[in-house]
N, C-alpha and C. Protein backbone atom coordinates (compact mmCIF):
# COMPACT_ATOMS: atom_id res chain seq x y z
N UNK A 1 87.88 116.45 103.66
CA UNK A 1 88.66 116.46 104.16
C UNK A 1 89.81 116.57 103.93
N UNK A 2 90.16 116.41 105.12
CA UNK A 2 91.93 117.04 105.70
C UNK A 2 92.76 116.11 106.21
N UNK A 3 93.26 115.12 105.39
CA UNK A 3 93.98 113.60 105.90
C UNK A 3 95.76 113.66 106.48
N UNK A 4 95.29 113.99 107.76
CA UNK A 4 96.88 113.62 108.84
C UNK A 4 97.28 112.35 108.65
N UNK A 5 98.79 112.39 108.63
CA UNK A 5 98.72 110.80 109.10
C UNK A 5 99.90 111.33 110.54
N UNK A 6 100.27 110.43 111.37
CA UNK A 6 100.85 110.48 112.80
C UNK A 6 101.74 109.45 112.47
N UNK A 7 102.96 109.68 112.83
CA UNK A 7 103.72 108.55 113.15
C UNK A 7 105.01 108.91 114.27
N UNK A 8 105.23 108.11 115.17
CA UNK A 8 106.08 108.63 116.12
C UNK A 8 107.33 107.31 116.76
N UNK A 9 108.16 107.53 117.10
CA UNK A 9 109.18 106.39 117.51
C UNK A 9 109.45 105.76 116.05
N UNK A 10 110.05 106.28 114.85
CA UNK A 10 110.77 105.56 113.72
C UNK A 10 111.80 104.96 114.05
N UNK A 11 112.75 106.21 115.47
CA UNK A 11 114.07 105.39 116.26
C UNK A 11 115.05 104.90 114.74
N UNK A 12 115.03 105.49 113.75
CA UNK A 12 115.79 106.06 112.30
C UNK A 12 115.47 104.34 111.22
N UNK A 13 114.24 104.06 111.64
CA UNK A 13 113.92 102.83 110.46
C UNK A 13 112.63 103.53 109.69
N UNK A 14 112.69 104.03 108.72
CA UNK A 14 111.31 104.33 107.44
C UNK A 14 110.65 102.64 107.32
N UNK A 15 109.49 102.48 107.61
CA UNK A 15 109.59 101.33 106.91
C UNK A 15 108.94 101.54 105.55
N UNK A 16 108.44 100.39 104.30
CA UNK A 16 107.70 100.59 103.04
C UNK A 16 106.66 100.40 104.01
N UNK A 17 106.15 99.73 104.76
CA UNK A 17 104.59 99.72 105.26
C UNK A 17 103.85 101.28 105.71
N UNK A 18 105.22 101.62 106.19
CA UNK A 18 104.65 103.31 107.07
C UNK A 18 104.44 104.05 105.44
N UNK A 19 105.67 104.20 104.81
CA UNK A 19 105.74 105.42 103.19
C UNK A 19 104.18 104.68 102.84
N UNK A 20 103.67 103.54 102.39
CA UNK A 20 102.15 103.14 101.93
C UNK A 20 101.73 103.53 102.56
N UNK A 21 101.63 103.83 104.09
CA UNK A 21 100.11 104.09 104.80
C UNK A 21 100.36 105.52 104.72
N UNK A 22 101.21 106.40 104.67
CA UNK A 22 101.17 107.21 104.70
C UNK A 22 100.67 108.22 103.17
N UNK A 23 101.01 107.41 102.11
CA UNK A 23 100.35 108.01 100.57
C UNK A 23 99.63 108.76 101.12
N UNK A 24 99.09 109.72 99.63
CA UNK A 24 98.06 109.90 99.79
C UNK A 24 97.95 111.24 101.23
N UNK A 25 98.21 111.74 102.67
CA UNK A 25 98.03 112.50 103.54
C UNK A 25 98.31 113.60 102.65
N UNK A 26 97.88 114.95 103.34
CA UNK A 26 97.65 116.08 103.46
C UNK A 26 99.09 116.83 104.41
N UNK A 27 98.92 116.28 105.79
CA UNK A 27 100.72 116.43 106.67
C UNK A 27 100.73 115.52 107.31
N UNK A 28 102.46 115.59 107.53
CA UNK A 28 102.54 114.61 108.14
C UNK A 28 102.88 114.86 109.87
N UNK A 29 102.78 114.10 110.86
CA UNK A 29 102.93 115.09 112.05
C UNK A 29 104.03 114.02 112.59
N UNK A 30 105.05 114.10 112.90
CA UNK A 30 106.08 112.73 113.45
C UNK A 30 106.13 113.75 115.23
N UNK A 31 105.89 112.55 116.54
CA UNK A 31 106.06 112.61 117.69
C UNK A 31 106.97 112.78 118.29
N UNK A 32 108.42 112.77 117.43
CA UNK A 32 110.32 112.09 118.14
C UNK A 32 110.00 111.56 118.10
N UNK A 33 111.32 111.02 118.50
CA UNK A 33 111.84 109.64 118.69
C UNK A 33 112.49 109.07 117.13
N UNK A 34 112.92 110.86 116.15
CA UNK A 34 113.02 110.27 115.05
C UNK A 34 114.18 108.95 114.56
N UNK A 35 115.43 109.63 115.70
CA UNK A 35 116.54 108.64 115.12
C UNK A 35 117.70 109.13 113.93
N UNK A 36 116.87 109.62 113.04
CA UNK A 36 117.90 109.87 112.02
C UNK A 36 117.65 110.82 111.64
N UNK A 37 118.78 111.90 110.73
CA UNK A 37 118.49 112.61 110.31
C UNK A 37 117.93 112.91 108.80
N UNK A 38 117.71 111.70 108.39
CA UNK A 38 117.32 111.22 106.79
C UNK A 38 115.55 110.61 107.59
N UNK A 39 115.14 110.66 107.68
CA UNK A 39 113.55 110.16 107.95
C UNK A 39 113.09 111.64 107.91
N UNK A 40 112.53 112.81 108.20
CA UNK A 40 111.76 113.21 107.92
C UNK A 40 111.97 113.98 106.68
N UNK A 41 113.18 114.55 106.07
CA UNK A 41 113.82 114.23 104.47
C UNK A 41 112.87 113.61 103.67
N UNK A 42 112.67 111.95 103.99
CA UNK A 42 112.00 110.97 102.63
C UNK A 42 110.68 111.46 103.56
N UNK A 43 110.00 111.60 104.40
CA UNK A 43 108.27 112.00 105.34
C UNK A 43 108.18 112.86 104.35
N UNK A 44 108.96 114.09 103.92
CA UNK A 44 108.66 116.16 103.40
C UNK A 44 108.11 115.01 101.37
N UNK A 45 108.83 113.84 101.28
CA UNK A 45 109.03 113.52 99.74
C UNK A 45 106.96 113.39 99.90
N UNK A 46 106.73 112.90 100.93
CA UNK A 46 105.14 112.11 101.22
C UNK A 46 104.29 113.57 100.90
N UNK A 47 104.09 114.13 102.16
CA UNK A 47 103.34 115.50 102.39
C UNK A 47 104.35 116.22 103.64
N UNK A 48 104.40 117.44 103.38
CA UNK A 48 104.48 118.66 104.46
C UNK A 48 104.91 117.98 105.28
N UNK A 49 105.59 118.14 106.60
CA UNK A 49 105.88 117.22 107.90
C UNK A 49 106.00 118.51 109.22
N UNK A 50 104.78 118.24 110.55
CA UNK A 50 105.45 118.85 111.56
C UNK A 50 105.84 117.55 112.62
N UNK A 51 107.24 118.60 113.10
CA UNK A 51 107.68 117.33 113.81
C UNK A 51 108.83 117.84 114.63
N UNK A 52 109.04 116.94 116.24
CA UNK A 52 109.77 117.58 116.76
C UNK A 52 110.44 116.73 117.95
N UNK A 53 111.58 117.14 118.43
CA UNK A 53 112.50 115.98 119.03
C UNK A 53 111.69 115.15 120.12
N UNK A 54 112.43 113.94 120.20
CA UNK A 54 112.32 113.06 121.24
C UNK A 54 113.55 112.10 121.72
N UNK A 55 113.10 111.82 123.15
CA UNK A 55 114.84 112.40 124.21
C UNK A 55 115.73 110.89 122.92
N UNK A 56 115.48 110.33 121.82
CA UNK A 56 116.54 109.63 121.48
C UNK A 56 117.40 110.93 120.23
N UNK A 57 117.11 111.62 120.12
CA UNK A 57 116.72 113.04 119.16
C UNK A 57 118.48 113.98 120.15
N UNK A 58 118.80 113.18 119.32
CA UNK A 58 120.82 113.52 120.20
C UNK A 58 121.40 113.95 119.18
N UNK A 59 122.07 115.64 119.05
CA UNK A 59 123.62 115.32 117.80
C UNK A 59 123.02 116.97 117.16
N UNK A 60 123.64 116.80 116.33
CA UNK A 60 123.80 118.57 115.67
C UNK A 60 121.97 118.34 115.16
N UNK A 61 121.82 117.65 113.96
CA UNK A 61 121.06 117.41 113.48
C UNK A 61 119.31 118.07 113.94
N UNK A 62 119.52 116.96 115.55
CA UNK A 62 117.81 117.34 115.93
C UNK A 62 118.26 118.20 116.58
N UNK A 63 118.65 119.84 116.65
CA UNK A 63 118.15 120.33 117.47
C UNK A 63 117.90 121.43 115.90
N UNK A 64 117.59 121.17 114.76
CA UNK A 64 115.96 121.88 114.26
C UNK A 64 115.09 121.74 114.03
N UNK A 65 115.03 120.55 115.48
CA UNK A 65 113.79 120.36 115.47
C UNK A 65 113.19 120.48 116.77
N UNK A 66 111.88 121.40 116.86
CA UNK A 66 112.02 121.86 118.88
C UNK A 66 111.18 120.56 119.54
N UNK A 67 111.09 120.65 120.62
CA UNK A 67 110.74 119.39 122.22
C UNK A 67 109.39 119.58 121.88
N UNK A 68 108.52 120.36 121.67
CA UNK A 68 107.31 120.60 121.33
C UNK A 68 106.59 121.95 119.89
N UNK A 69 105.84 121.44 119.58
CA UNK A 69 105.10 122.05 118.52
C UNK A 69 103.46 122.12 118.82
N UNK A 70 103.05 123.45 118.21
CA UNK A 70 101.69 124.17 118.47
C UNK A 70 101.43 124.56 116.79
N UNK A 71 100.56 123.67 116.54
CA UNK A 71 99.80 123.49 114.84
C UNK A 71 98.50 123.09 114.24
N UNK A 72 98.60 124.00 113.79
CA UNK A 72 96.59 124.67 112.86
C UNK A 72 96.98 123.75 111.76
N UNK A 73 96.14 123.12 111.82
CA UNK A 73 95.57 121.94 110.45
C UNK A 73 93.92 122.01 110.41
N UNK A 74 93.79 122.46 108.95
CA UNK A 74 91.98 122.03 108.21
C UNK A 74 91.74 122.88 109.77
N UNK A 75 92.06 124.27 110.24
CA UNK A 75 90.98 124.63 111.08
C UNK A 75 90.71 123.88 113.08
N UNK A 76 92.02 123.03 113.16
CA UNK A 76 92.12 122.61 114.07
C UNK A 76 93.31 122.63 114.80
N UNK A 77 93.68 123.05 116.17
CA UNK A 77 94.30 123.30 116.98
C UNK A 77 95.60 121.56 117.33
N UNK A 78 96.53 121.47 117.51
CA UNK A 78 97.73 120.61 117.43
C UNK A 78 98.50 120.14 118.47
N UNK A 79 98.08 119.70 119.78
CA UNK A 79 99.66 120.47 120.37
C UNK A 79 99.89 119.22 120.57
N UNK A 80 102.06 118.99 119.66
CA UNK A 80 102.78 117.62 120.55
C UNK A 80 103.57 117.80 120.78
N UNK A 81 103.97 116.88 121.53
CA UNK A 81 105.06 116.76 122.28
C UNK A 81 105.51 115.08 122.48
N UNK A 82 106.10 114.95 123.08
CA UNK A 82 106.81 113.19 123.14
C UNK A 82 106.42 112.37 123.70
N UNK A 83 106.94 113.08 125.25
CA UNK A 83 106.23 111.88 126.33
C UNK A 83 104.95 112.85 126.63
N UNK A 84 103.51 112.12 126.94
CA UNK A 84 102.10 112.75 127.19
C UNK A 84 102.45 113.17 128.85
N UNK A 85 103.69 112.07 129.40
CA UNK A 85 103.26 112.72 130.95
C UNK A 85 103.97 114.45 131.57
N UNK A 86 104.64 114.77 129.96
CA UNK A 86 105.52 115.88 130.42
C UNK A 86 104.03 116.94 130.19
N UNK A 87 103.05 116.53 129.84
CA UNK A 87 101.80 117.85 129.17
C UNK A 87 101.81 119.16 130.45
N UNK A 88 101.73 119.65 130.45
CA UNK A 88 102.13 120.30 131.80
C UNK A 88 100.93 121.54 131.41
N UNK A 89 99.56 121.72 130.89
CA UNK A 89 98.55 122.29 131.25
C UNK A 89 97.06 121.51 130.64
N UNK A 90 96.45 122.56 130.96
CA UNK A 90 94.94 121.65 130.80
C UNK A 90 94.48 122.01 129.63
N UNK A 91 94.80 121.41 128.24
CA UNK A 91 94.61 120.93 126.26
C UNK A 91 93.10 122.16 126.54
N UNK A 92 92.28 121.50 127.05
CA UNK A 92 90.82 122.49 127.06
C UNK A 92 90.80 123.57 127.02
N UNK A 93 91.45 124.05 128.31
CA UNK A 93 91.82 125.51 128.44
C UNK A 93 92.58 126.16 127.78
N UNK A 94 93.33 125.68 126.98
CA UNK A 94 94.00 125.84 126.12
C UNK A 94 93.08 125.83 124.66
N UNK A 95 92.54 125.65 124.22
CA UNK A 95 91.78 125.52 123.01
C UNK A 95 92.02 124.80 121.98
N UNK A 96 93.38 123.68 122.65
CA UNK A 96 94.26 122.98 121.94
C UNK A 96 93.00 121.50 121.64
N UNK A 97 92.89 121.40 120.16
CA UNK A 97 92.07 120.13 119.88
C UNK A 97 92.39 118.99 119.53
N UNK A 98 93.24 119.14 119.61
CA UNK A 98 94.22 117.45 120.10
C UNK A 98 95.16 117.04 120.17
N UNK A 99 95.83 116.61 120.91
CA UNK A 99 97.44 116.30 121.63
C UNK A 99 97.90 114.67 121.09
N UNK A 100 98.85 115.51 120.53
CA UNK A 100 99.74 113.93 119.86
C UNK A 100 100.92 114.14 121.04
N UNK A 101 101.35 112.71 120.63
CA UNK A 101 102.36 112.10 121.78
C UNK A 101 103.12 110.60 121.25
N UNK A 102 103.93 110.70 121.31
CA UNK A 102 104.55 109.24 121.30
C UNK A 102 104.98 108.56 122.83
N UNK A 103 106.53 108.37 122.26
CA UNK A 103 107.15 107.65 123.36
C UNK A 103 107.05 106.27 124.03
N UNK A 104 105.66 106.40 124.12
CA UNK A 104 105.01 104.72 125.11
C UNK A 104 105.38 103.60 124.23
N UNK A 105 105.01 104.12 123.13
CA UNK A 105 104.76 102.65 121.74
C UNK A 105 103.59 101.70 121.46
N UNK A 106 103.19 102.24 122.76
CA UNK A 106 101.28 102.14 122.77
C UNK A 106 100.19 102.81 121.96
N UNK A 107 100.15 101.99 120.86
CA UNK A 107 99.24 103.33 120.61
C UNK A 107 97.64 102.82 120.91
N UNK A 108 97.28 104.47 121.01
CA UNK A 108 95.78 104.95 122.14
C UNK A 108 95.45 105.98 121.45
N UNK A 109 94.01 106.00 121.37
CA UNK A 109 93.08 107.14 120.67
C UNK A 109 92.02 107.34 121.53
N UNK A 110 92.02 108.13 121.93
CA UNK A 110 90.92 108.90 123.70
C UNK A 110 90.85 109.97 123.82
N UNK A 111 89.12 110.04 123.74
CA UNK A 111 88.58 111.97 123.53
C UNK A 111 88.50 111.94 125.16
N UNK A 112 88.41 113.03 125.97
CA UNK A 112 88.82 113.32 126.83
C UNK A 112 88.19 114.73 127.36
N UNK A 113 87.47 115.00 127.75
CA UNK A 113 86.30 116.31 128.00
C UNK A 113 86.54 117.34 125.81
N UNK A 114 86.78 116.30 125.59
CA UNK A 114 86.34 117.16 124.11
C UNK A 114 87.59 116.96 123.69
N UNK A 115 88.48 116.96 123.53
CA UNK A 115 89.94 116.64 123.26
C UNK A 115 90.35 115.70 123.42
N UNK A 116 90.67 115.43 121.93
CA UNK A 116 91.00 113.92 121.18
C UNK A 116 92.76 113.63 121.42
N UNK A 117 92.74 112.66 122.02
CA UNK A 117 94.71 112.67 122.92
C UNK A 117 95.37 111.00 121.66
N UNK A 118 96.31 110.98 121.05
CA UNK A 118 96.34 110.57 120.43
C UNK A 118 97.98 110.00 120.40
N UNK A 119 98.14 109.37 120.43
CA UNK A 119 99.52 108.24 120.36
C UNK A 119 99.80 106.63 119.58
N UNK A 120 100.58 107.39 117.95
CA UNK A 120 100.69 106.57 116.80
C UNK A 120 101.40 105.19 117.59
N UNK A 121 101.34 105.13 118.32
CA UNK A 121 102.70 103.37 118.89
C UNK A 121 103.93 103.71 118.92
N UNK A 122 104.63 102.85 118.17
CA UNK A 122 105.40 103.06 117.43
C UNK A 122 105.46 102.65 115.91
N UNK A 123 106.52 103.23 115.07
CA UNK A 123 106.20 102.12 113.24
C UNK A 123 107.99 101.96 113.03
N UNK A 124 109.16 102.41 114.04
CA UNK A 124 110.34 101.53 114.12
C UNK A 124 110.11 100.52 114.36
N UNK A 125 112.00 99.94 114.87
CA UNK A 125 112.04 98.48 115.61
C UNK A 125 110.95 98.33 116.80
N UNK A 126 110.52 96.96 116.84
CA UNK A 126 109.43 96.36 117.71
C UNK A 126 110.38 96.43 118.84
N UNK A 127 109.03 96.99 120.13
CA UNK A 127 109.52 97.20 121.56
C UNK A 127 108.95 96.01 122.16
N UNK A 128 109.84 95.35 122.82
CA UNK A 128 108.83 93.94 123.71
C UNK A 128 107.87 93.79 122.87
N UNK A 129 107.00 93.21 122.74
CA UNK A 129 105.62 92.46 122.63
C UNK A 129 104.53 93.50 121.47
N UNK A 130 105.15 94.78 121.45
CA UNK A 130 104.08 96.02 121.28
C UNK A 130 103.99 95.19 119.68
N UNK A 131 102.67 96.19 118.93
CA UNK A 131 102.64 96.53 117.81
C UNK A 131 103.30 97.45 116.83
N UNK A 132 103.81 97.32 115.85
CA UNK A 132 103.64 98.42 114.98
C UNK A 132 102.65 99.34 114.14
N UNK A 133 102.61 100.40 114.60
CA UNK A 133 101.85 101.35 114.04
C UNK A 133 101.73 102.55 114.15
N UNK A 134 100.97 103.76 113.03
CA UNK A 134 100.99 104.15 112.95
C UNK A 134 99.35 104.58 112.41
N UNK A 135 98.86 105.82 112.75
CA UNK A 135 98.04 107.01 113.03
C UNK A 135 97.67 107.20 111.67
N UNK A 136 96.06 107.42 111.09
CA UNK A 136 95.83 108.86 110.30
C UNK A 136 94.86 109.12 110.69
N UNK A 137 94.39 110.43 110.84
CA UNK A 137 93.37 111.61 111.39
C UNK A 137 92.46 112.34 110.21
N UNK A 138 91.47 112.25 110.06
CA UNK A 138 90.43 112.97 109.00
C UNK A 138 89.80 113.56 110.13
N UNK A 139 89.84 115.04 108.85
CA UNK A 139 89.19 116.16 109.50
C UNK A 139 87.78 116.34 108.82
N UNK A 140 86.78 116.13 108.87
CA UNK A 140 85.54 116.33 108.13
C UNK A 140 84.76 117.11 108.93
N UNK A 141 83.97 118.24 107.33
CA UNK A 141 82.98 119.43 108.24
C UNK A 141 81.73 118.36 109.41
N UNK A 142 81.43 116.48 109.24
CA UNK A 142 81.19 115.79 110.86
C UNK A 142 81.87 116.14 111.66
N UNK A 143 83.17 116.84 111.35
CA UNK A 143 84.39 116.70 112.85
C UNK A 143 85.34 115.05 112.80
N UNK A 144 85.70 114.66 113.44
CA UNK A 144 87.36 113.74 113.69
C UNK A 144 87.47 112.40 113.35
N UNK A 145 88.40 111.53 113.01
CA UNK A 145 88.38 110.30 112.71
C UNK A 145 89.30 109.91 112.69
N UNK A 146 89.59 109.14 113.25
CA UNK A 146 90.61 108.60 113.70
C UNK A 146 90.79 107.08 113.71
N UNK A 147 92.25 106.73 113.13
CA UNK A 147 92.66 105.13 112.77
C UNK A 147 93.58 104.82 112.73
N UNK A 148 93.96 103.87 114.01
CA UNK A 148 95.17 103.33 114.10
C UNK A 148 95.84 102.12 113.01
N UNK A 149 97.13 101.61 112.19
CA UNK A 149 97.37 100.92 110.96
C UNK A 149 98.41 100.37 111.66
N UNK A 150 98.46 98.18 111.51
CA UNK A 150 99.15 97.98 112.00
C UNK A 150 99.92 97.86 110.74
N UNK A 151 101.02 98.12 110.76
CA UNK A 151 102.02 98.02 109.82
C UNK A 151 102.94 97.14 109.82
N UNK A 152 102.75 95.57 110.33
CA UNK A 152 102.77 94.42 110.89
C UNK A 152 104.43 94.22 110.03
N UNK A 153 105.40 93.66 109.63
CA UNK A 153 106.21 93.56 109.72
C UNK A 153 107.17 93.25 108.53
N UNK A 154 108.12 94.46 108.34
CA UNK A 154 107.95 94.50 106.39
C UNK A 154 109.05 92.97 106.03
């Protein structure tokens, strides 16, 4: 089994509950709106990180992160972008297995035409009445198993 932690929209806040939920993962994907140059180094103390920038990621530090990423982990191909509404290709035709997004702050796991679309929600400051969440994704010989984790309020 290969476990991936998926987090987004931290907006400069890495909650202790998020760090606990990510403990033991093999890799972390951050779906943008990092919010502070300190977040990714803190996540790297847990596991290797693939991160993209979101619409709030401005300034010199944010130029270190691309707006999208294509990464292969555990034999699966991930396309990472911040806002799913900006996806401009057919994921199935591109042989992408998983599309990771953020931006909406609304956690969602959905499979369409064999492609897993996963938005871990927001792990940063609460917005409106939306939950504070992140996700894990287990890649096993039997397939993919994804789970949302409610972080509550520390």
